[in-house]
């Protein structure tokens, strides 16, 4: 999923940023106004208060914003308000593959369907890949099954766990 940032890379790469809590939208907006390509995965959720219900857009991954930058933009991103630091892997800013960002985008666009789950040979700790449906190609460590059609997958090196809408029948063990 990641590579280590070369010292002088002229082509842009995706990186994950740690940002202050509840400031993801502000960071995303400020990056956009400065002309820096960014991606903030948002999901629509129904929130209930004592007097009303309202649909709101919340970050899919709390505390993270993704940026696609060249090495020359690296330091400028750190100057943005509420940015803490880059997600690091082996001491360097981790590079997120383009296909992983595309998979996150596809995950946000998937439809909700009721599906039966089969959990025969899959066990937590296994490296798995989704082999059909809108999340086809998504890889991660299986953490657990959550209900009828949700699985928890860990994405390294971000160290996050993502609940993915996918039936267990759509998973296969990664041979490696």
N, C-alpha and C. Protein backbone atom coordinates (compact mmCIF):
# COMPACT_ATOMS: atom_id res chain seq x y z
N UNK A 1 0.81 -1.19 0.00
CA UNK A 1 0.00 0.00 0.00
C UNK A 1 0.85 1.25 0.00
N UNK A 2 2.02 1.23 0.59
CA UNK A 2 2.83 2.44 0.65
C UNK A 2 4.21 2.20 0.10
N UNK A 3 4.83 3.30 -0.20
CA UNK A 3 6.22 3.32 -0.59
C UNK A 3 6.86 4.41 0.24
N UNK A 4 8.18 4.49 0.16
CA UNK A 4 8.87 5.56 0.88
C UNK A 4 9.12 6.70 -0.09
N UNK A 5 8.92 7.93 0.38
CA UNK A 5 9.07 9.12 -0.45
C UNK A 5 10.50 9.29 -0.92
N UNK A 6 10.71 9.30 -2.26
CA UNK A 6 12.06 9.56 -2.75
C UNK A 6 12.46 11.00 -2.42
N UNK A 7 13.76 11.25 -2.39
CA UNK A 7 14.22 12.58 -2.00
C UNK A 7 13.82 13.66 -2.98
N UNK A 8 13.81 13.37 -4.28
CA UNK A 8 13.45 14.39 -5.26
C UNK A 8 12.55 13.79 -6.31
N UNK A 9 11.28 13.66 -6.02
CA UNK A 9 10.33 13.06 -6.94
C UNK A 9 9.57 14.16 -7.67
N UNK A 10 9.74 14.27 -9.00
CA UNK A 10 9.03 15.32 -9.73
C UNK A 10 7.55 15.01 -9.94
N UNK A 11 7.17 13.73 -9.90
CA UNK A 11 5.76 13.38 -10.10
C UNK A 11 5.02 13.39 -8.77
N UNK A 12 3.73 13.77 -8.82
CA UNK A 12 2.96 13.84 -7.57
C UNK A 12 2.59 12.45 -7.05
N UNK A 13 2.50 12.33 -5.73
CA UNK A 13 2.10 11.10 -5.06
C UNK A 13 1.07 11.45 -4.00
N UNK A 14 0.22 10.47 -3.67
CA UNK A 14 -0.74 10.64 -2.59
C UNK A 14 -0.06 10.37 -1.25
N UNK A 15 -0.39 11.19 -0.26
CA UNK A 15 0.09 11.02 1.11
C UNK A 15 -1.09 11.22 2.05
N UNK A 16 -1.02 10.64 3.22
CA UNK A 16 -2.04 10.84 4.24
C UNK A 16 -1.51 11.82 5.27
N UNK A 17 -2.37 12.72 5.69
CA UNK A 17 -2.03 13.71 6.71
C UNK A 17 -2.82 13.42 7.98
N UNK A 18 -2.14 13.57 9.12
CA UNK A 18 -2.84 13.62 10.40
C UNK A 18 -3.28 15.06 10.59
N UNK A 19 -4.55 15.27 10.95
CA UNK A 19 -5.05 16.62 11.22
C UNK A 19 -5.74 16.64 12.57
N UNK A 20 -5.90 17.83 13.13
CA UNK A 20 -6.58 17.94 14.41
C UNK A 20 -8.02 17.44 14.31
N UNK A 21 -8.53 16.95 15.42
CA UNK A 21 -9.88 16.42 15.48
C UNK A 21 -10.90 17.45 15.02
N UNK A 22 -11.85 17.00 14.24
CA UNK A 22 -12.94 17.82 13.72
C UNK A 22 -12.50 18.98 12.84
N UNK A 23 -11.31 18.90 12.26
CA UNK A 23 -10.86 19.97 11.37
C UNK A 23 -10.62 19.47 9.95
N UNK A 24 -11.05 18.26 9.66
CA UNK A 24 -10.79 17.67 8.35
C UNK A 24 -11.34 18.53 7.20
N UNK A 25 -12.58 19.00 7.34
CA UNK A 25 -13.19 19.80 6.28
C UNK A 25 -12.47 21.14 6.11
N UNK A 26 -12.05 21.74 7.21
CA UNK A 26 -11.32 23.01 7.14
C UNK A 26 -9.99 22.84 6.42
N UNK A 27 -9.26 21.77 6.76
CA UNK A 27 -7.97 21.50 6.11
C UNK A 27 -8.18 21.25 4.63
N UNK A 28 -9.18 20.45 4.29
CA UNK A 28 -9.48 20.14 2.89
C UNK A 28 -9.78 21.42 2.11
N UNK A 29 -10.59 22.30 2.70
CA UNK A 29 -10.95 23.57 2.04
C UNK A 29 -9.73 24.46 1.86
N UNK A 30 -8.87 24.55 2.88
CA UNK A 30 -7.69 25.40 2.78
C UNK A 30 -6.70 24.86 1.75
N UNK A 31 -6.55 23.55 1.70
CA UNK A 31 -5.69 22.94 0.67
C UNK A 31 -6.20 23.28 -0.72
N UNK A 32 -7.51 23.20 -0.90
CA UNK A 32 -8.11 23.51 -2.20
C UNK A 32 -7.89 24.96 -2.59
N UNK A 33 -8.04 25.89 -1.63
CA UNK A 33 -7.83 27.31 -1.95
C UNK A 33 -6.38 27.60 -2.31
N UNK A 34 -5.46 26.79 -1.81
CA UNK A 34 -4.04 26.97 -2.14
C UNK A 34 -3.63 26.19 -3.38
N UNK A 35 -4.60 25.54 -4.03
CA UNK A 35 -4.33 24.83 -5.27
C UNK A 35 -3.66 23.47 -5.09
N UNK A 36 -3.76 22.91 -3.89
CA UNK A 36 -3.16 21.60 -3.62
C UNK A 36 -4.26 20.55 -3.70
N UNK A 37 -4.04 19.53 -4.54
CA UNK A 37 -5.04 18.48 -4.71
C UNK A 37 -5.17 17.68 -3.42
N UNK A 38 -6.41 17.54 -2.96
CA UNK A 38 -6.65 16.78 -1.74
C UNK A 38 -7.91 15.95 -1.89
N UNK A 39 -8.04 14.97 -1.01
CA UNK A 39 -9.20 14.08 -1.01
C UNK A 39 -9.60 13.86 0.44
N UNK A 40 -10.85 14.16 0.73
CA UNK A 40 -11.41 13.92 2.05
C UNK A 40 -12.60 12.99 1.87
N UNK A 41 -12.43 11.71 2.19
CA UNK A 41 -13.55 10.80 2.04
C UNK A 41 -14.64 11.10 3.07
N UNK A 42 -15.82 11.46 2.57
CA UNK A 42 -16.95 11.80 3.42
C UNK A 42 -18.06 10.78 3.22
N UNK A 43 -18.80 10.52 4.29
CA UNK A 43 -19.96 9.65 4.20
C UNK A 43 -21.16 10.39 4.77
N UNK A 44 -22.31 10.12 4.19
CA UNK A 44 -23.54 10.76 4.63
C UNK A 44 -24.18 9.91 5.72
N UNK A 45 -24.45 10.53 6.86
CA UNK A 45 -25.05 9.83 8.01
C UNK A 45 -26.24 10.61 8.53
N UNK A 46 -27.22 9.85 9.01
CA UNK A 46 -28.38 10.48 9.63
C UNK A 46 -28.09 10.65 11.11
N UNK A 47 -28.08 11.89 11.58
CA UNK A 47 -27.84 12.19 12.99
C UNK A 47 -29.15 12.61 13.64
N UNK A 48 -29.32 12.19 14.88
CA UNK A 48 -30.54 12.54 15.60
C UNK A 48 -30.20 13.37 16.83
N UNK A 49 -30.91 14.47 16.95
CA UNK A 49 -30.85 15.30 18.15
C UNK A 49 -32.18 15.15 18.87
N UNK A 50 -32.30 15.78 20.01
CA UNK A 50 -33.54 15.64 20.79
C UNK A 50 -34.75 16.22 20.05
N UNK A 51 -34.53 17.22 19.19
CA UNK A 51 -35.66 17.88 18.53
C UNK A 51 -35.74 17.64 17.02
N UNK A 52 -34.73 16.97 16.41
CA UNK A 52 -34.77 16.80 14.96
C UNK A 52 -33.78 15.73 14.49
N UNK A 53 -33.94 15.34 13.25
CA UNK A 53 -32.99 14.47 12.57
C UNK A 53 -32.44 15.23 11.38
N UNK A 54 -31.18 14.96 11.05
CA UNK A 54 -30.56 15.68 9.94
C UNK A 54 -29.49 14.81 9.30
N UNK A 55 -29.41 14.86 7.96
CA UNK A 55 -28.34 14.17 7.25
C UNK A 55 -27.11 15.08 7.26
N UNK A 56 -25.97 14.52 7.67
CA UNK A 56 -24.72 15.27 7.71
C UNK A 56 -23.62 14.47 7.01
N UNK A 57 -22.63 15.16 6.50
CA UNK A 57 -21.47 14.50 5.90
C UNK A 57 -20.34 14.50 6.90
N UNK A 58 -19.86 13.29 7.24
CA UNK A 58 -18.79 13.11 8.21
C UNK A 58 -17.60 12.44 7.55
N UNK A 59 -16.39 12.72 8.03
CA UNK A 59 -15.21 12.05 7.47
C UNK A 59 -15.29 10.54 7.66
N UNK A 60 -14.94 9.81 6.62
CA UNK A 60 -14.91 8.36 6.70
C UNK A 60 -13.81 7.91 7.66
N UNK A 61 -12.68 8.61 7.60
CA UNK A 61 -11.54 8.28 8.46
C UNK A 61 -11.23 9.53 9.29
N UNK A 62 -11.67 9.53 10.51
CA UNK A 62 -11.50 10.69 11.38
C UNK A 62 -10.02 11.01 11.58
N UNK A 63 -9.67 12.28 11.41
CA UNK A 63 -8.30 12.72 11.65
C UNK A 63 -7.36 12.61 10.47
N UNK A 64 -7.87 12.23 9.29
CA UNK A 64 -7.03 12.06 8.10
C UNK A 64 -7.56 12.86 6.92
N UNK A 65 -6.64 13.43 6.15
CA UNK A 65 -6.92 14.04 4.85
C UNK A 65 -5.82 13.56 3.92
N UNK A 66 -6.16 13.27 2.69
CA UNK A 66 -5.18 12.79 1.71
C UNK A 66 -4.81 13.92 0.77
N UNK A 67 -3.52 14.03 0.44
CA UNK A 67 -3.04 15.05 -0.49
C UNK A 67 -2.22 14.39 -1.59
N UNK A 68 -2.31 14.96 -2.78
CA UNK A 68 -1.50 14.50 -3.92
C UNK A 68 -0.55 15.63 -4.26
N UNK A 69 0.72 15.43 -3.91
CA UNK A 69 1.69 16.51 -4.02
C UNK A 69 3.00 16.03 -4.63
N UNK A 70 3.79 17.01 -5.07
CA UNK A 70 5.17 16.76 -5.47
C UNK A 70 6.06 17.08 -4.28
N UNK A 71 7.31 16.74 -4.38
CA UNK A 71 8.25 17.00 -3.28
C UNK A 71 8.34 18.50 -2.97
N UNK A 72 8.20 19.35 -3.98
CA UNK A 72 8.31 20.79 -3.76
C UNK A 72 7.14 21.35 -2.94
N UNK A 73 6.01 20.65 -2.90
CA UNK A 73 4.84 21.10 -2.13
C UNK A 73 4.81 20.53 -0.72
N UNK A 74 5.74 19.63 -0.43
CA UNK A 74 5.75 18.89 0.84
C UNK A 74 5.71 19.81 2.06
N UNK A 75 6.61 20.77 2.13
CA UNK A 75 6.69 21.66 3.30
C UNK A 75 5.51 22.63 3.37
N UNK A 76 5.00 23.07 2.21
CA UNK A 76 3.87 24.00 2.19
C UNK A 76 2.63 23.38 2.84
N UNK A 77 2.45 22.08 2.64
CA UNK A 77 1.28 21.40 3.23
C UNK A 77 1.36 21.44 4.75
N UNK A 78 2.55 21.31 5.31
CA UNK A 78 2.71 21.32 6.76
C UNK A 78 2.41 22.68 7.38
N UNK A 79 2.37 23.73 6.55
CA UNK A 79 2.08 25.08 7.04
C UNK A 79 0.57 25.35 7.12
N UNK A 80 -0.24 24.45 6.60
CA UNK A 80 -1.70 24.63 6.62
C UNK A 80 -2.18 24.50 8.07
N UNK A 81 -3.10 25.37 8.45
CA UNK A 81 -3.69 25.32 9.80
C UNK A 81 -4.30 23.95 10.06
N UNK A 82 -4.10 23.43 11.27
CA UNK A 82 -4.65 22.17 11.77
C UNK A 82 -3.99 20.91 11.22
N UNK A 83 -2.98 21.04 10.37
CA UNK A 83 -2.23 19.87 9.92
C UNK A 83 -1.19 19.54 10.99
N UNK A 84 -1.15 18.29 11.42
CA UNK A 84 -0.19 17.87 12.44
C UNK A 84 1.08 17.37 11.79
N UNK A 85 0.96 16.34 10.96
CA UNK A 85 2.12 15.78 10.27
C UNK A 85 1.66 14.78 9.23
N UNK A 86 2.61 14.32 8.43
CA UNK A 86 2.33 13.24 7.48
C UNK A 86 2.30 11.91 8.21
N UNK A 87 1.49 10.98 7.70
CA UNK A 87 1.55 9.62 8.19
C UNK A 87 2.89 9.06 7.72
N UNK A 88 3.63 8.47 8.65
CA UNK A 88 4.98 8.01 8.33
C UNK A 88 5.07 6.50 8.33
N UNK A 89 6.00 6.01 7.51
CA UNK A 89 6.31 4.59 7.43
C UNK A 89 7.82 4.50 7.32
N UNK A 90 8.43 3.83 8.30
CA UNK A 90 9.89 3.71 8.38
C UNK A 90 10.56 5.09 8.38
N UNK A 91 9.95 6.03 9.09
CA UNK A 91 10.55 7.35 9.28
C UNK A 91 10.33 8.34 8.15
N UNK A 92 9.70 7.94 7.06
CA UNK A 92 9.47 8.83 5.92
C UNK A 92 7.97 8.93 5.66
N UNK A 93 7.57 10.01 5.00
CA UNK A 93 6.16 10.18 4.65
C UNK A 93 5.73 9.03 3.74
N UNK A 94 4.69 8.34 4.14
CA UNK A 94 4.21 7.18 3.37
C UNK A 94 3.53 7.64 2.09
N UNK A 95 3.79 6.92 1.02
CA UNK A 95 3.12 7.16 -0.26
C UNK A 95 1.96 6.19 -0.37
N UNK A 96 0.79 6.73 -0.64
CA UNK A 96 -0.41 5.92 -0.82
C UNK A 96 -0.59 5.71 -2.33
N UNK A 97 -0.79 4.47 -2.73
CA UNK A 97 -0.93 4.17 -4.15
C UNK A 97 -2.21 4.79 -4.71
N UNK A 98 -2.17 5.20 -5.97
CA UNK A 98 -3.34 5.77 -6.64
C UNK A 98 -4.53 4.82 -6.57
N UNK A 99 -4.28 3.51 -6.77
CA UNK A 99 -5.39 2.56 -6.76
C UNK A 99 -6.04 2.44 -5.38
N UNK A 100 -5.29 2.71 -4.30
CA UNK A 100 -5.89 2.67 -2.97
C UNK A 100 -6.83 3.86 -2.76
N UNK A 101 -6.46 5.01 -3.29
CA UNK A 101 -7.34 6.19 -3.22
C UNK A 101 -8.59 5.92 -4.06
N UNK A 102 -8.42 5.33 -5.24
CA UNK A 102 -9.56 5.00 -6.09
C UNK A 102 -10.50 4.01 -5.39
N UNK A 103 -9.93 3.05 -4.67
CA UNK A 103 -10.76 2.09 -3.94
C UNK A 103 -11.56 2.77 -2.84
N UNK A 104 -10.95 3.74 -2.15
CA UNK A 104 -11.69 4.50 -1.13
C UNK A 104 -12.85 5.25 -1.78
N UNK A 105 -12.60 5.82 -2.95
CA UNK A 105 -13.66 6.55 -3.66
C UNK A 105 -14.78 5.60 -4.06
N UNK A 106 -14.43 4.41 -4.54
CA UNK A 106 -15.44 3.43 -4.91
C UNK A 106 -16.21 2.95 -3.69
N UNK A 107 -15.51 2.78 -2.56
CA UNK A 107 -16.16 2.34 -1.35
C UNK A 107 -17.25 3.33 -0.94
N UNK A 108 -17.00 4.61 -1.12
CA UNK A 108 -17.99 5.62 -0.75
C UNK A 108 -19.19 5.60 -1.68
N UNK A 109 -19.01 5.10 -2.91
CA UNK A 109 -20.09 5.08 -3.87
C UNK A 109 -20.88 3.79 -3.92
N UNK A 110 -20.52 2.82 -3.08
CA UNK A 110 -21.20 1.53 -3.15
C UNK A 110 -22.62 1.61 -2.62
N UNK A 111 -23.46 0.71 -3.14
CA UNK A 111 -24.85 0.68 -2.70
C UNK A 111 -24.99 -0.26 -1.52
N UNK A 112 -26.04 -0.04 -0.74
CA UNK A 112 -26.30 -0.90 0.41
C UNK A 112 -27.26 -2.01 -0.01
N UNK A 113 -26.83 -3.25 0.12
CA UNK A 113 -27.69 -4.38 -0.21
C UNK A 113 -27.62 -5.40 0.91
N UNK A 114 -28.72 -6.10 1.10
CA UNK A 114 -28.78 -7.15 2.12
C UNK A 114 -28.25 -8.44 1.51
N UNK A 115 -27.19 -9.00 2.07
CA UNK A 115 -26.55 -10.19 1.51
C UNK A 115 -26.21 -11.15 2.64
N UNK A 116 -26.30 -12.45 2.36
CA UNK A 116 -25.90 -13.47 3.33
C UNK A 116 -24.37 -13.55 3.39
N UNK A 117 -23.83 -13.84 4.57
CA UNK A 117 -22.39 -13.96 4.75
C UNK A 117 -22.03 -15.41 4.99
N UNK A 118 -20.99 -15.85 4.31
CA UNK A 118 -20.45 -17.18 4.60
C UNK A 118 -19.07 -16.96 5.18
N UNK A 119 -18.79 -17.58 6.33
CA UNK A 119 -17.54 -17.34 7.04
C UNK A 119 -16.71 -18.62 7.15
N UNK A 120 -16.78 -19.50 6.17
CA UNK A 120 -16.15 -20.80 6.32
C UNK A 120 -14.67 -20.74 6.70
N UNK A 121 -13.79 -20.52 5.74
CA UNK A 121 -12.37 -20.63 6.05
C UNK A 121 -11.69 -19.32 6.44
N UNK A 122 -12.40 -18.23 6.40
CA UNK A 122 -11.77 -16.95 6.72
C UNK A 122 -11.70 -16.75 8.23
N UNK A 123 -10.53 -16.37 8.71
CA UNK A 123 -10.31 -16.13 10.13
C UNK A 123 -9.65 -14.78 10.32
N UNK A 124 -9.93 -14.10 11.43
CA UNK A 124 -9.24 -12.84 11.72
C UNK A 124 -7.72 -13.03 11.67
N UNK A 125 -7.05 -12.03 11.12
CA UNK A 125 -5.59 -12.08 10.98
C UNK A 125 -5.15 -12.44 9.57
N UNK A 126 -6.05 -13.00 8.78
CA UNK A 126 -5.71 -13.38 7.40
C UNK A 126 -5.67 -12.15 6.51
N UNK A 127 -4.77 -12.17 5.53
CA UNK A 127 -4.74 -11.15 4.49
C UNK A 127 -5.79 -11.54 3.46
N UNK A 128 -6.75 -10.65 3.18
CA UNK A 128 -7.83 -10.96 2.27
C UNK A 128 -7.96 -9.90 1.18
N UNK A 129 -8.65 -10.30 0.11
CA UNK A 129 -8.95 -9.39 -0.99
C UNK A 129 -10.42 -9.56 -1.35
N UNK A 130 -11.09 -8.44 -1.62
CA UNK A 130 -12.48 -8.50 -2.08
C UNK A 130 -12.43 -8.80 -3.57
N UNK A 131 -13.14 -9.86 -3.99
CA UNK A 131 -13.01 -10.35 -5.36
C UNK A 131 -14.19 -10.02 -6.26
N UNK A 132 -15.26 -9.43 -5.72
CA UNK A 132 -16.36 -9.01 -6.58
C UNK A 132 -17.11 -7.87 -5.91
N UNK A 133 -17.92 -7.21 -6.70
CA UNK A 133 -18.68 -6.08 -6.19
C UNK A 133 -17.95 -4.77 -6.37
N UNK A 134 -18.49 -3.68 -5.84
CA UNK A 134 -17.91 -2.36 -6.06
C UNK A 134 -16.54 -2.17 -5.40
N UNK A 135 -16.19 -3.02 -4.43
CA UNK A 135 -14.89 -2.90 -3.75
C UNK A 135 -13.88 -3.90 -4.30
N UNK A 136 -14.13 -4.46 -5.47
CA UNK A 136 -13.24 -5.44 -6.09
C UNK A 136 -11.80 -4.94 -6.09
N UNK A 137 -10.88 -5.77 -5.58
CA UNK A 137 -9.46 -5.43 -5.55
C UNK A 137 -8.97 -4.86 -4.24
N UNK A 138 -9.87 -4.55 -3.32
CA UNK A 138 -9.49 -3.97 -2.03
C UNK A 138 -8.83 -5.06 -1.18
N UNK A 139 -7.64 -4.77 -0.63
CA UNK A 139 -6.89 -5.75 0.16
C UNK A 139 -6.65 -5.21 1.57
N UNK A 140 -6.60 -6.12 2.53
CA UNK A 140 -6.29 -5.74 3.90
C UNK A 140 -6.30 -6.95 4.80
N UNK A 141 -6.03 -6.71 6.07
CA UNK A 141 -6.05 -7.77 7.07
C UNK A 141 -7.46 -7.88 7.63
N UNK A 142 -8.02 -9.08 7.60
CA UNK A 142 -9.36 -9.30 8.14
C UNK A 142 -9.29 -9.19 9.66
N UNK A 143 -10.06 -8.28 10.22
CA UNK A 143 -10.11 -8.09 11.66
C UNK A 143 -11.29 -8.85 12.24
N UNK A 144 -12.47 -8.65 11.65
CA UNK A 144 -13.65 -9.34 12.15
C UNK A 144 -14.80 -9.20 11.17
N UNK A 145 -15.82 -10.01 11.37
CA UNK A 145 -17.07 -9.86 10.65
C UNK A 145 -18.00 -9.07 11.55
N UNK A 146 -18.68 -8.09 10.99
CA UNK A 146 -19.57 -7.23 11.77
C UNK A 146 -20.96 -7.27 11.15
N UNK A 147 -21.78 -8.16 11.59
CA UNK A 147 -23.13 -8.26 11.06
C UNK A 147 -23.17 -9.08 9.78
N UNK A 148 -24.29 -8.92 9.06
CA UNK A 148 -24.52 -9.76 7.88
C UNK A 148 -23.64 -9.41 6.70
N UNK A 149 -23.34 -8.14 6.48
CA UNK A 149 -22.61 -7.79 5.26
C UNK A 149 -21.51 -6.76 5.49
N UNK A 150 -20.92 -6.76 6.67
CA UNK A 150 -19.80 -5.85 6.94
C UNK A 150 -18.62 -6.66 7.43
N UNK A 151 -17.45 -6.30 6.93
CA UNK A 151 -16.21 -6.88 7.44
C UNK A 151 -15.31 -5.73 7.83
N UNK A 152 -14.50 -5.95 8.85
CA UNK A 152 -13.53 -4.95 9.27
C UNK A 152 -12.19 -5.37 8.69
N UNK A 153 -11.58 -4.47 7.90
CA UNK A 153 -10.27 -4.72 7.30
C UNK A 153 -9.31 -3.65 7.79
N UNK A 154 -8.09 -4.06 8.14
CA UNK A 154 -7.06 -3.12 8.57
C UNK A 154 -6.22 -2.73 7.36
N UNK A 155 -6.03 -1.41 7.17
CA UNK A 155 -5.21 -0.90 6.08
C UNK A 155 -3.89 -0.44 6.68
N UNK A 156 -2.80 -1.05 6.28
CA UNK A 156 -1.48 -0.66 6.75
C UNK A 156 -0.84 0.23 5.71
N UNK A 157 0.00 1.17 6.00
CA UNK A 157 0.54 1.51 7.31
C UNK A 157 -0.26 2.57 8.03
N UNK A 158 -1.45 2.92 7.52
CA UNK A 158 -2.25 3.94 8.18
C UNK A 158 -2.64 3.50 9.58
N UNK A 159 -2.68 2.17 9.81
CA UNK A 159 -3.05 1.68 11.12
C UNK A 159 -4.50 1.90 11.44
N UNK A 160 -5.33 1.99 10.39
CA UNK A 160 -6.75 2.20 10.61
C UNK A 160 -7.52 0.93 10.24
N UNK A 161 -8.69 0.79 10.79
CA UNK A 161 -9.57 -0.31 10.44
C UNK A 161 -10.78 0.29 9.74
N UNK A 162 -11.11 -0.27 8.58
CA UNK A 162 -12.23 0.22 7.79
C UNK A 162 -13.32 -0.84 7.79
N UNK A 163 -14.54 -0.43 8.09
CA UNK A 163 -15.68 -1.33 7.96
C UNK A 163 -16.15 -1.25 6.52
N UNK A 164 -16.08 -2.37 5.81
CA UNK A 164 -16.41 -2.42 4.41
C UNK A 164 -17.72 -3.16 4.22
N UNK A 165 -18.63 -2.61 3.42
CA UNK A 165 -19.88 -3.29 3.09
C UNK A 165 -19.57 -4.34 2.04
N UNK A 166 -19.36 -5.55 2.46
CA UNK A 166 -19.09 -6.64 1.53
C UNK A 166 -19.42 -7.96 2.22
N UNK A 167 -20.11 -8.85 1.52
CA UNK A 167 -20.39 -10.15 2.13
C UNK A 167 -19.12 -10.99 2.19
N UNK A 168 -19.05 -11.88 3.17
CA UNK A 168 -17.90 -12.76 3.31
C UNK A 168 -17.64 -13.59 2.08
N UNK A 169 -18.69 -13.91 1.30
CA UNK A 169 -18.52 -14.71 0.09
C UNK A 169 -17.70 -13.95 -0.96
N UNK A 170 -17.61 -12.63 -0.84
CA UNK A 170 -16.84 -11.84 -1.80
C UNK A 170 -15.37 -11.71 -1.40
N UNK A 171 -14.93 -12.40 -0.34
CA UNK A 171 -13.55 -12.32 0.11
C UNK A 171 -12.79 -13.58 -0.28
N UNK A 172 -11.51 -13.40 -0.54
CA UNK A 172 -10.63 -14.53 -0.77
C UNK A 172 -9.33 -14.28 -0.03
N UNK A 173 -8.66 -15.35 0.37
CA UNK A 173 -7.39 -15.22 1.07
C UNK A 173 -6.33 -14.83 0.05
N UNK A 174 -5.47 -13.87 0.40
CA UNK A 174 -4.38 -13.45 -0.48
C UNK A 174 -3.27 -14.46 -0.36
N UNK A 175 -2.90 -15.03 -1.47
CA UNK A 175 -1.79 -16.00 -1.50
C UNK A 175 -0.48 -15.21 -1.54
N UNK A 176 0.45 -15.57 -0.72
CA UNK A 176 1.65 -14.76 -0.79
C UNK A 176 2.80 -15.34 -0.16
